[in-house]
Amino acid sequence: MIKNVYSLLTALLLCLFVSCADSGLPRTVAGNDLFTVPYGRFDDQLNLFSLASVGAVRTYMAMNSGFFYIANGESKKIMELNSYGDLITLLYNADDNVAPDFVPSDMSEAAVSTRKAVAYPFNTLGPVAVDSRKYLYAVDTLPKSRQIRDNEKNTMLDRVIVCFSSDGTFIDYIGQNGPGGTPFPFIDAVYTTDSNELVVVCVTNDGPLVYWFSADRYLKYIIPVKSADVPDPFTQDENTGTVHVSVEKVIPARSGYELFVKVDYSVNYVDQDSKVQSGIDYAGTRVYPLDAVSGTFGEPYSIPAFEHSVTQGFSRISYSIPYDFMGVTSSGWLFFSIATDNGFMVQMIQPDGQRILKRNLGIGSDNLLYHSFFLSDTGIITGIFADDQCVSVKWWRMDDLINVISRS
């Protein structure tokens, strides 16, 4: 009897989760407001004063097992916080930050302290990643005196990955060849796998260049992802003309040695009467599994686009816009997102491609100035949102939705 009731409840819950997506009307998922971080220059505050100026915001976040790691490039520090927003560890550049008042004056105090502060000479912080050992990897820029110009590839080698242990101890810096190696070109993102291996995705003039390292930070694979090598599912003819290929994102699988390559395709629009090209139309998106060892592409996932409609008078025009690739979970779900008039839309695709779910994320801020999402290995979406008052951190337990579907 109990088993039957449980099965019925599971079926009803699953129906509630998926019915809106199947009907084409995505439901809104309310996020959990976790904590806020005020603006300022103190140890428990964030410096995002650059929001008022022109230029990129250099603040990034990662989440692991309920702990949040915020790299604040504007103040050259990294904060580890718990789910209540309490500061646990601070890694900071002592030349740009005042030493926190909880820094112990001797080793006896350090042994009983519940918070840690470690000085490190960060320059320009970038993305961060954390593995299951709580090893922290952060992108940093070398001083100009240590940067290398690669004239052959016409690029500057000026990025490294700095690695810290779970207690904040600096371990080493990682370059292209491993610990202490040649600096990287521009780094777009860093990831850790379920095996605690590090994956670094760089941007070059030839396309993404991926470096895959072992758990002890030694180089295993270098995988170039060139647009010319990506499969083309569209046939060129007199109507479509040239097919344009754009590799938008490369993200590693959580297990094994596989990359997921998101590719956006567009084709020349040719006027049928004059046979003259009059524009470029979005044609579609594919995500290709790429074997990191052999370099071969697998069968792609066809990713539905977001349909945006604009009403002008009595006419209605629809546009197809590709989603951004957020990442992949340990169970193989592919996550995508896009900003909408009502916040953000998330599209989830099951590993076998049989089910596609869409959900609106409730943000609740009308004056959002900056945001960044992070997808955990289980499917929790964490977001950092900056407005004119403070920075707020929220999450959405999409892992619960995945678990319900897995039990069905």
Protein backbone atom coordinates (compact mmCIF):
# COMPACT_ATOMS: atom_id res chain seq x y z
CA MET A 1 0.00 0.00 0.00
CA ILE A 2 2.77 2.47 0.99
CA LYS A 3 4.69 1.63 -2.17
CA ASN A 4 1.63 2.29 -4.30
CA VAL A 5 0.99 5.64 -2.58
CA TYR A 6 4.64 6.61 -3.07
CA SER A 7 4.46 5.68 -6.76
CA LEU A 8 1.29 7.75 -7.16
CA LEU A 9 2.83 10.78 -5.46
CA THR A 10 5.95 10.49 -7.61
CA ALA A 11 3.85 10.32 -10.77
CA LEU A 12 1.80 13.35 -9.72
CA LEU A 13 4.95 15.34 -8.89
CA LEU A 14 6.53 14.39 -12.20
CA CYS A 15 3.38 15.48 -14.01
CA LEU A 16 3.50 18.82 -12.21
CA PHE A 17 7.13 19.34 -13.21
CA VAL A 18 6.87 18.44 -16.87
CA SER A 19 3.31 19.22 -17.92
CA CYS A 20 3.94 22.94 -18.46
CA ALA A 21 7.04 22.25 -20.55
CA ASP A 22 5.18 19.72 -22.67
CA SER A 23 2.37 22.22 -23.26
CA GLY A 24 4.81 24.87 -24.44
CA LEU A 25 4.15 27.11 -21.41
CA PRO A 26 7.24 26.95 -19.17
CA ARG A 27 6.49 27.41 -15.50
CA THR A 28 8.45 29.79 -13.29
CA VAL A 29 10.71 28.28 -10.66
CA ALA A 30 11.18 30.46 -7.60
CA GLY A 31 14.76 30.63 -6.45
CA ASN A 32 15.98 30.51 -2.85
CA ASP A 33 17.47 33.78 -1.63
CA LEU A 34 20.60 32.69 0.23
CA PHE A 35 22.44 35.85 1.29
CA THR A 36 23.56 39.29 0.23
CA VAL A 37 27.00 40.89 0.20
CA PRO A 38 27.26 44.67 0.62
CA TYR A 39 29.48 46.91 -1.49
CA GLY A 40 32.69 48.22 0.04
CA ARG A 41 36.37 47.58 0.59
CA PHE A 42 36.25 45.62 3.85
CA ASP A 43 36.99 41.89 4.02
CA ASP A 44 33.30 40.84 3.95
CA GLN A 45 32.32 43.27 1.18
CA LEU A 46 32.62 43.33 -2.61
CA ASN A 47 34.12 46.05 -4.73
CA LEU A 48 31.89 46.38 -7.78
CA PHE A 49 32.26 50.10 -8.22
CA SER A 50 33.32 49.41 -11.83
CA LEU A 51 29.64 48.84 -12.63
CA ALA A 52 29.39 52.59 -13.08
CA SER A 53 32.24 52.67 -15.62
CA VAL A 54 32.90 51.23 -19.05
CA GLY A 55 34.58 47.82 -19.17
CA ALA A 56 34.13 44.21 -18.19
CA VAL A 57 33.13 43.19 -14.66
CA ARG A 58 35.79 40.89 -13.22
CA THR A 59 33.80 39.06 -10.54
CA TYR A 60 33.21 35.31 -10.81
CA MET A 61 31.67 32.58 -8.66
CA ALA A 62 31.81 28.83 -8.10
CA MET A 63 29.83 26.65 -5.70
CA ASN A 64 30.81 23.30 -4.22
CA SER A 65 28.92 21.34 -1.56
CA GLY A 66 27.09 24.42 -0.30
CA PHE A 67 30.16 26.64 -0.09
CA PHE A 68 30.49 29.68 -2.35
CA TYR A 69 33.69 31.06 -3.81
CA ILE A 70 33.59 34.60 -5.18
CA ALA A 71 36.62 35.95 -7.02
CA ASN A 72 36.41 39.75 -6.91
CA GLY A 73 38.94 40.92 -9.47
CA GLU A 74 38.20 44.57 -8.74
CA SER A 75 39.62 44.18 -5.21
CA LYS A 76 42.03 41.30 -6.00
CA LYS A 77 40.59 38.87 -3.47
CA ILE A 78 38.71 35.57 -3.27
CA MET A 79 36.05 34.97 -0.63
CA GLU A 80 34.81 31.59 0.59
CA LEU A 81 31.38 31.85 2.22
CA ASN A 82 28.87 29.38 3.59
CA SER A 83 25.20 29.31 2.59
CA TYR A 84 24.41 31.96 5.23
CA GLY A 85 26.93 34.38 3.75
CA ASP A 86 29.44 34.00 6.59
CA LEU A 87 33.04 34.60 5.48
CA ILE A 88 35.15 31.48 6.09
CA THR A 89 38.32 32.05 4.06
CA LEU A 90 39.78 35.17 2.49
CA LEU A 91 42.60 35.11 -0.04
CA TYR A 92 43.67 38.69 -0.66
CA ASN A 93 46.33 40.93 -2.16
CA ALA A 94 47.81 42.73 0.85
CA ASP A 95 48.79 45.76 -1.26
CA ASP A 96 45.17 46.42 -2.25
CA ASN A 97 43.32 45.27 0.86
CA VAL A 98 43.51 46.00 4.56
CA ALA A 99 44.38 42.89 6.58
CA PRO A 100 41.18 41.54 8.21
CA ASP A 101 40.85 41.98 11.95
CA PHE A 102 40.56 38.20 12.38
CA VAL A 103 44.08 37.55 11.09
CA PRO A 104 45.83 35.77 14.03
CA SER A 105 48.89 37.39 15.55
CA ASP A 106 50.51 34.05 16.39
CA MET A 107 50.18 30.34 15.57
CA SER A 108 48.32 29.52 18.79
CA GLU A 109 45.48 31.80 17.74
CA ALA A 110 45.54 30.39 14.20
CA ALA A 111 44.94 26.88 15.53
CA VAL A 112 41.58 27.84 17.09
CA SER A 113 40.41 30.36 14.51
CA THR A 114 37.26 29.48 12.56
CA ARG A 115 38.17 31.89 9.78
CA LYS A 116 41.30 32.06 7.66
CA ALA A 117 42.97 34.90 5.80
CA VAL A 118 45.87 34.29 3.43
CA ALA A 119 47.78 37.01 1.60
CA TYR A 120 48.69 36.35 -2.03
CA PRO A 121 49.80 38.88 -4.70
CA PHE A 122 46.88 38.52 -7.15
CA ASN A 123 47.03 40.75 -10.23
CA THR A 124 43.84 40.49 -12.31
CA LEU A 125 41.60 37.67 -11.14
CA GLY A 126 39.49 35.64 -13.56
CA PRO A 127 37.22 32.57 -13.38
CA VAL A 128 37.52 30.07 -10.51
CA ALA A 129 36.82 26.35 -10.03
CA VAL A 130 36.77 24.08 -6.97
CA ASP A 131 37.13 20.28 -6.88
CA SER A 132 35.82 17.74 -4.37
CA ARG A 133 38.98 18.11 -2.26
CA LYS A 134 38.13 21.84 -1.98
CA TYR A 135 41.23 22.68 -3.99
CA LEU A 136 40.68 26.13 -5.43
CA TYR A 137 41.86 27.04 -8.94
CA ALA A 138 41.80 30.69 -10.00
CA VAL A 139 42.82 32.41 -13.23
CA ASP A 140 45.32 35.22 -12.72
CA THR A 141 47.30 37.54 -14.99
CA LEU A 142 51.07 37.73 -14.80
CA PRO A 143 52.92 41.03 -14.33
CA LYS A 144 54.03 42.56 -17.64
CA SER A 145 57.64 41.63 -16.92
CA ARG A 146 56.71 37.92 -17.02
CA GLN A 147 54.38 37.96 -20.02
CA ILE A 148 55.50 36.30 -23.25
CA ARG A 149 54.65 37.39 -26.77
CA ASP A 150 53.94 34.49 -29.16
CA ASN A 151 54.72 36.09 -32.50
CA GLU A 152 53.96 32.92 -34.48
CA LYS A 153 50.36 32.80 -33.24
CA ASN A 154 50.08 36.57 -32.73
CA THR A 155 48.93 36.27 -29.13
CA MET A 156 50.05 37.22 -25.64
CA LEU A 157 50.82 34.45 -23.13
CA ASP A 158 49.97 36.13 -19.85
CA ARG A 159 47.55 33.88 -17.89
CA VAL A 160 48.24 31.24 -15.24
CA ILE A 161 46.14 29.14 -12.88
CA VAL A 162 46.97 29.55 -9.19
CA CYS A 163 46.10 26.60 -6.98
CA PHE A 164 45.31 26.64 -3.25
CA SER A 165 44.62 23.72 -0.91
CA SER A 166 41.49 23.42 1.22
CA ASP A 167 43.12 25.36 4.09
CA GLY A 168 44.13 28.24 1.83
CA THR A 169 47.76 27.22 1.41
CA PHE A 170 49.23 28.18 -1.95
CA ILE A 171 50.35 25.03 -3.80
CA ASP A 172 51.70 26.22 -7.14
CA TYR A 173 50.82 27.97 -10.37
CA ILE A 174 49.93 26.01 -13.48
CA GLY A 175 50.89 26.88 -17.04
CA GLN A 176 50.45 25.15 -20.38
CA ASN A 177 52.87 22.38 -19.46
CA GLY A 178 51.73 21.90 -15.87
CA PRO A 179 53.16 23.32 -12.61
CA GLY A 180 55.42 26.27 -13.37
CA GLY A 181 54.83 25.94 -17.11
CA THR A 182 54.60 28.46 -19.93
CA PRO A 183 51.72 30.93 -19.43
CA PHE A 184 48.40 30.40 -21.20
CA PRO A 185 46.78 32.68 -23.76
CA PHE A 186 43.49 34.27 -22.73
CA ILE A 187 41.50 31.85 -20.54
CA ASP A 188 37.74 31.76 -21.08
CA ALA A 189 36.87 29.27 -18.31
CA VAL A 190 38.24 26.63 -15.93
CA TYR A 191 36.48 23.44 -14.85
CA THR A 192 37.09 20.49 -12.53
CA THR A 193 35.78 16.99 -13.20
CA ASP A 194 34.40 14.36 -10.85
CA SER A 195 37.93 12.85 -10.83
CA ASN A 196 39.39 16.17 -9.60
CA GLU A 197 41.04 16.80 -12.96
CA LEU A 198 41.46 20.36 -14.19
CA VAL A 199 40.30 21.55 -17.63
CA VAL A 200 41.37 24.94 -18.95
CA VAL A 201 39.60 26.43 -22.00
CA CYS A 202 41.58 29.14 -23.79
CA VAL A 203 40.61 31.45 -26.64
CA THR A 204 43.00 31.78 -29.59
CA ASN A 205 42.83 33.24 -33.08
CA ASP A 206 42.28 29.70 -34.43
CA GLY A 207 39.45 28.87 -32.02
CA PRO A 208 39.19 27.34 -28.52
CA LEU A 209 42.23 25.49 -27.22
CA VAL A 210 41.65 23.07 -24.33
CA TYR A 211 44.26 21.87 -21.82
CA TRP A 212 43.35 18.81 -19.74
CA PHE A 213 45.35 18.14 -16.55
CA SER A 214 45.46 15.21 -14.14
CA ALA A 215 44.41 15.47 -10.48
CA ASP A 216 48.03 16.22 -9.57
CA ARG A 217 48.03 19.06 -12.16
CA TYR A 218 50.19 17.49 -14.88
CA LEU A 219 49.26 17.88 -18.53
CA LYS A 220 47.41 14.96 -20.16
CA TYR A 221 45.83 16.32 -23.35
CA ILE A 222 45.81 19.41 -25.54
CA ILE A 223 42.68 19.58 -27.70
CA PRO A 224 42.34 22.28 -30.37
CA VAL A 225 38.77 22.97 -31.46
CA LYS A 226 38.90 24.68 -34.84
CA SER A 227 35.80 25.86 -36.67
CA ALA A 228 37.13 24.31 -39.88
CA ASP A 229 37.11 20.86 -38.26
CA VAL A 230 33.56 21.05 -36.90
CA PRO A 231 30.98 19.00 -38.85
CA ASP A 232 28.59 20.96 -41.06
CA PRO A 233 25.05 19.55 -41.04
CA PHE A 234 23.78 22.05 -43.61
CA THR A 235 24.08 21.57 -47.34
CA GLN A 236 25.25 24.57 -49.30
CA ASP A 237 23.22 25.35 -52.42
CA GLU A 238 22.28 28.32 -54.53
CA ASN A 239 19.65 29.34 -52.03
CA THR A 240 21.66 29.15 -48.79
CA GLY A 241 25.16 29.93 -50.02
CA THR A 242 27.94 29.99 -47.44
CA VAL A 243 27.40 28.34 -44.06
CA HIS A 244 29.04 30.22 -41.17
CA VAL A 245 30.26 28.18 -38.20
CA SER A 246 30.73 29.67 -34.72
CA VAL A 247 32.11 27.58 -31.85
CA GLU A 248 30.35 29.30 -28.96
CA LYS A 249 31.37 27.18 -25.94
CA VAL A 250 33.45 24.14 -24.99
CA ILE A 251 32.67 22.40 -21.69
CA PRO A 252 34.11 19.11 -20.38
CA ALA A 253 32.04 16.12 -19.30
CA ARG A 254 32.02 15.47 -15.56
CA SER A 255 33.43 11.97 -16.07
CA GLY A 256 35.56 10.36 -18.77
CA TYR A 257 37.53 12.30 -21.37
CA GLU A 258 34.91 14.03 -23.44
CA LEU A 259 34.16 17.62 -24.37
CA PHE A 260 30.82 19.10 -25.34
CA VAL A 261 31.21 21.63 -28.16
CA LYS A 262 28.34 24.05 -28.76
CA VAL A 263 28.25 25.29 -32.35
CA ASP A 264 25.95 27.96 -33.77
CA TYR A 265 25.34 27.92 -37.53
CA SER A 266 24.16 30.74 -39.77
CA VAL A 267 23.65 30.92 -43.52
CA ASN A 268 23.63 33.70 -46.07
CA TYR A 269 20.14 34.92 -46.87
CA VAL A 270 19.72 35.18 -50.65
CA ASP A 271 16.87 37.09 -52.21
CA GLN A 272 15.08 34.61 -54.47
CA ASP A 273 14.21 37.21 -57.12
CA SER A 274 17.52 38.99 -57.49
CA LYS A 275 19.71 36.10 -56.28
CA VAL A 276 21.67 38.65 -54.26
CA GLN A 277 22.76 38.06 -50.69
CA SER A 278 20.84 40.41 -48.42
CA GLY A 279 21.75 39.20 -44.93
CA ILE A 280 22.69 36.33 -42.66
CA ASP A 281 20.12 34.12 -40.93
CA TYR A 282 20.56 31.95 -37.85
CA ALA A 283 20.25 28.33 -38.99
CA GLY A 284 20.55 26.20 -35.88
CA THR A 285 22.61 24.98 -32.95
CA ARG A 286 24.31 21.65 -32.36
CA VAL A 287 26.24 20.30 -29.39
CA TYR A 288 28.86 17.74 -30.40
CA PRO A 289 30.52 15.26 -28.05
CA LEU A 290 34.26 15.43 -28.78
CA ASP A 291 36.58 12.62 -27.68
CA ALA A 292 39.51 14.33 -25.95
CA VAL A 293 41.83 11.41 -26.68
CA SER A 294 41.11 10.71 -30.36
CA GLY A 295 39.82 14.16 -31.33
CA THR A 296 36.76 12.70 -33.10
CA PHE A 297 33.26 14.18 -33.00
CA GLY A 298 30.25 12.09 -32.05
CA GLU A 299 26.61 12.37 -33.05
CA PRO A 300 25.31 15.84 -32.15
CA TYR A 301 22.40 17.04 -30.06
CA SER A 302 20.11 19.41 -31.95
CA ILE A 303 19.40 22.28 -29.56
CA PRO A 304 16.07 24.12 -30.01
CA ALA A 305 16.42 27.90 -30.22
CA PHE A 306 14.57 30.45 -28.13
CA GLU A 307 11.70 31.98 -30.08
CA HIS A 308 11.38 35.70 -29.42
CA SER A 309 8.33 37.50 -30.80
CA VAL A 310 8.00 41.21 -31.47
CA THR A 311 4.66 42.86 -32.20
CA GLN A 312 4.62 45.91 -34.46
CA GLY A 313 1.16 47.29 -35.04
CA PHE A 314 -0.93 44.44 -36.44
CA SER A 315 2.09 42.33 -37.41
CA ARG A 316 4.00 39.85 -35.32
CA ILE A 317 7.60 38.89 -36.11
CA SER A 318 9.39 35.94 -34.53
CA TYR A 319 13.15 35.56 -34.19
CA SER A 320 15.13 32.42 -33.37
CA ILE A 321 17.90 33.14 -30.86
CA PRO A 322 20.43 30.52 -29.67
CA TYR A 323 20.69 29.74 -25.97
CA ASP A 324 23.93 30.10 -24.01
CA PHE A 325 25.49 26.81 -22.93
CA MET A 326 25.64 26.66 -19.12
CA GLY A 327 27.16 23.21 -18.64
CA VAL A 328 26.55 19.53 -18.09
CA THR A 329 25.76 17.59 -14.90
CA SER A 330 27.32 14.35 -13.68
CA SER A 331 24.17 12.55 -14.86
CA GLY A 332 24.63 13.99 -18.36
CA TRP A 333 21.89 16.64 -18.48
CA LEU A 334 22.75 19.59 -20.73
CA PHE A 335 21.76 23.04 -19.42
CA PHE A 336 21.23 26.21 -21.46
CA SER A 337 20.04 29.71 -20.55
CA ILE A 338 19.00 32.97 -22.13
CA ALA A 339 17.88 36.37 -20.87
CA THR A 340 14.22 37.15 -21.54
CA ASP A 341 11.85 40.05 -20.92
CA ASN A 342 10.77 38.33 -17.68
CA GLY A 343 14.16 37.24 -16.36
CA PHE A 344 15.93 34.12 -17.58
CA MET A 345 14.85 30.96 -19.34
CA VAL A 346 16.61 27.66 -18.69
CA GLN A 347 16.43 24.76 -21.14
CA MET A 348 17.40 21.28 -19.91
CA ILE A 349 18.03 18.37 -22.26
CA GLN A 350 18.10 14.77 -21.06
CA PRO A 351 21.25 12.75 -21.91
CA ASP A 352 19.43 10.63 -24.49
CA GLY A 353 17.68 13.72 -25.88
CA GLN A 354 14.23 12.23 -25.24
CA ARG A 355 13.03 14.99 -22.95
CA ILE A 356 13.51 18.76 -23.16
CA LEU A 357 12.37 20.86 -20.20
CA LYS A 358 12.10 24.63 -20.00
CA ARG A 359 11.80 26.72 -16.86
CA ASN A 360 11.65 30.44 -16.14
CA LEU A 361 13.93 31.54 -13.31
CA GLY A 362 12.32 34.03 -10.98
CA ILE A 363 14.89 36.77 -10.32
CA GLY A 364 12.82 39.52 -8.71
CA SER A 365 15.05 42.50 -9.52
CA ASP A 366 14.11 45.33 -11.84
CA ASN A 367 17.49 47.09 -11.77
CA LEU A 368 19.88 44.22 -12.41
CA LEU A 369 23.32 45.52 -13.42
CA TYR A 370 25.36 42.32 -13.56
CA HIS A 371 24.78 38.60 -13.22
CA SER A 372 26.65 35.32 -13.51
CA PHE A 373 25.41 31.72 -13.30
CA PHE A 374 27.13 28.58 -12.09
CA LEU A 375 25.90 25.01 -12.64
CA SER A 376 26.87 22.37 -10.06
CA ASP A 377 27.60 18.73 -10.83
CA THR A 378 24.15 17.71 -9.54
CA GLY A 379 22.19 20.40 -11.41
CA ILE A 380 21.89 23.22 -8.87
CA ILE A 381 21.90 26.60 -10.61
CA THR A 382 23.55 29.29 -8.52
CA GLY A 383 23.42 32.94 -9.53
CA ILE A 384 25.19 36.07 -8.38
CA PHE A 385 23.23 39.27 -9.07
CA ALA A 386 24.38 42.84 -8.64
CA ASP A 387 22.05 45.84 -8.48
CA ASP A 388 22.56 49.38 -7.23
CA GLN A 389 22.26 48.30 -3.59
CA CYS A 390 24.22 45.08 -3.08
CA VAL A 391 25.11 41.68 -4.48
CA SER A 392 22.66 38.84 -3.86
CA VAL A 393 23.26 35.12 -4.20
CA LYS A 394 20.39 32.77 -5.09
CA TRP A 395 20.03 29.20 -6.19
CA TRP A 396 17.50 27.01 -7.96
CA ARG A 397 17.30 23.31 -7.00
CA MET A 398 16.95 21.90 -10.49
CA ASP A 399 18.60 18.75 -9.12
CA ASP A 400 15.26 17.94 -7.47
CA LEU A 401 13.60 17.99 -10.88
CA ILE A 402 16.29 15.69 -12.29
CA ASN A 403 15.84 13.27 -9.39
CA VAL A 404 12.08 13.11 -9.90
CA ILE A 405 12.47 12.36 -13.59
CA SER A 406 15.15 9.72 -12.89
CA ARG A 407 12.73 7.87 -10.60
CA SER A 408 9.90 7.88 -13.13
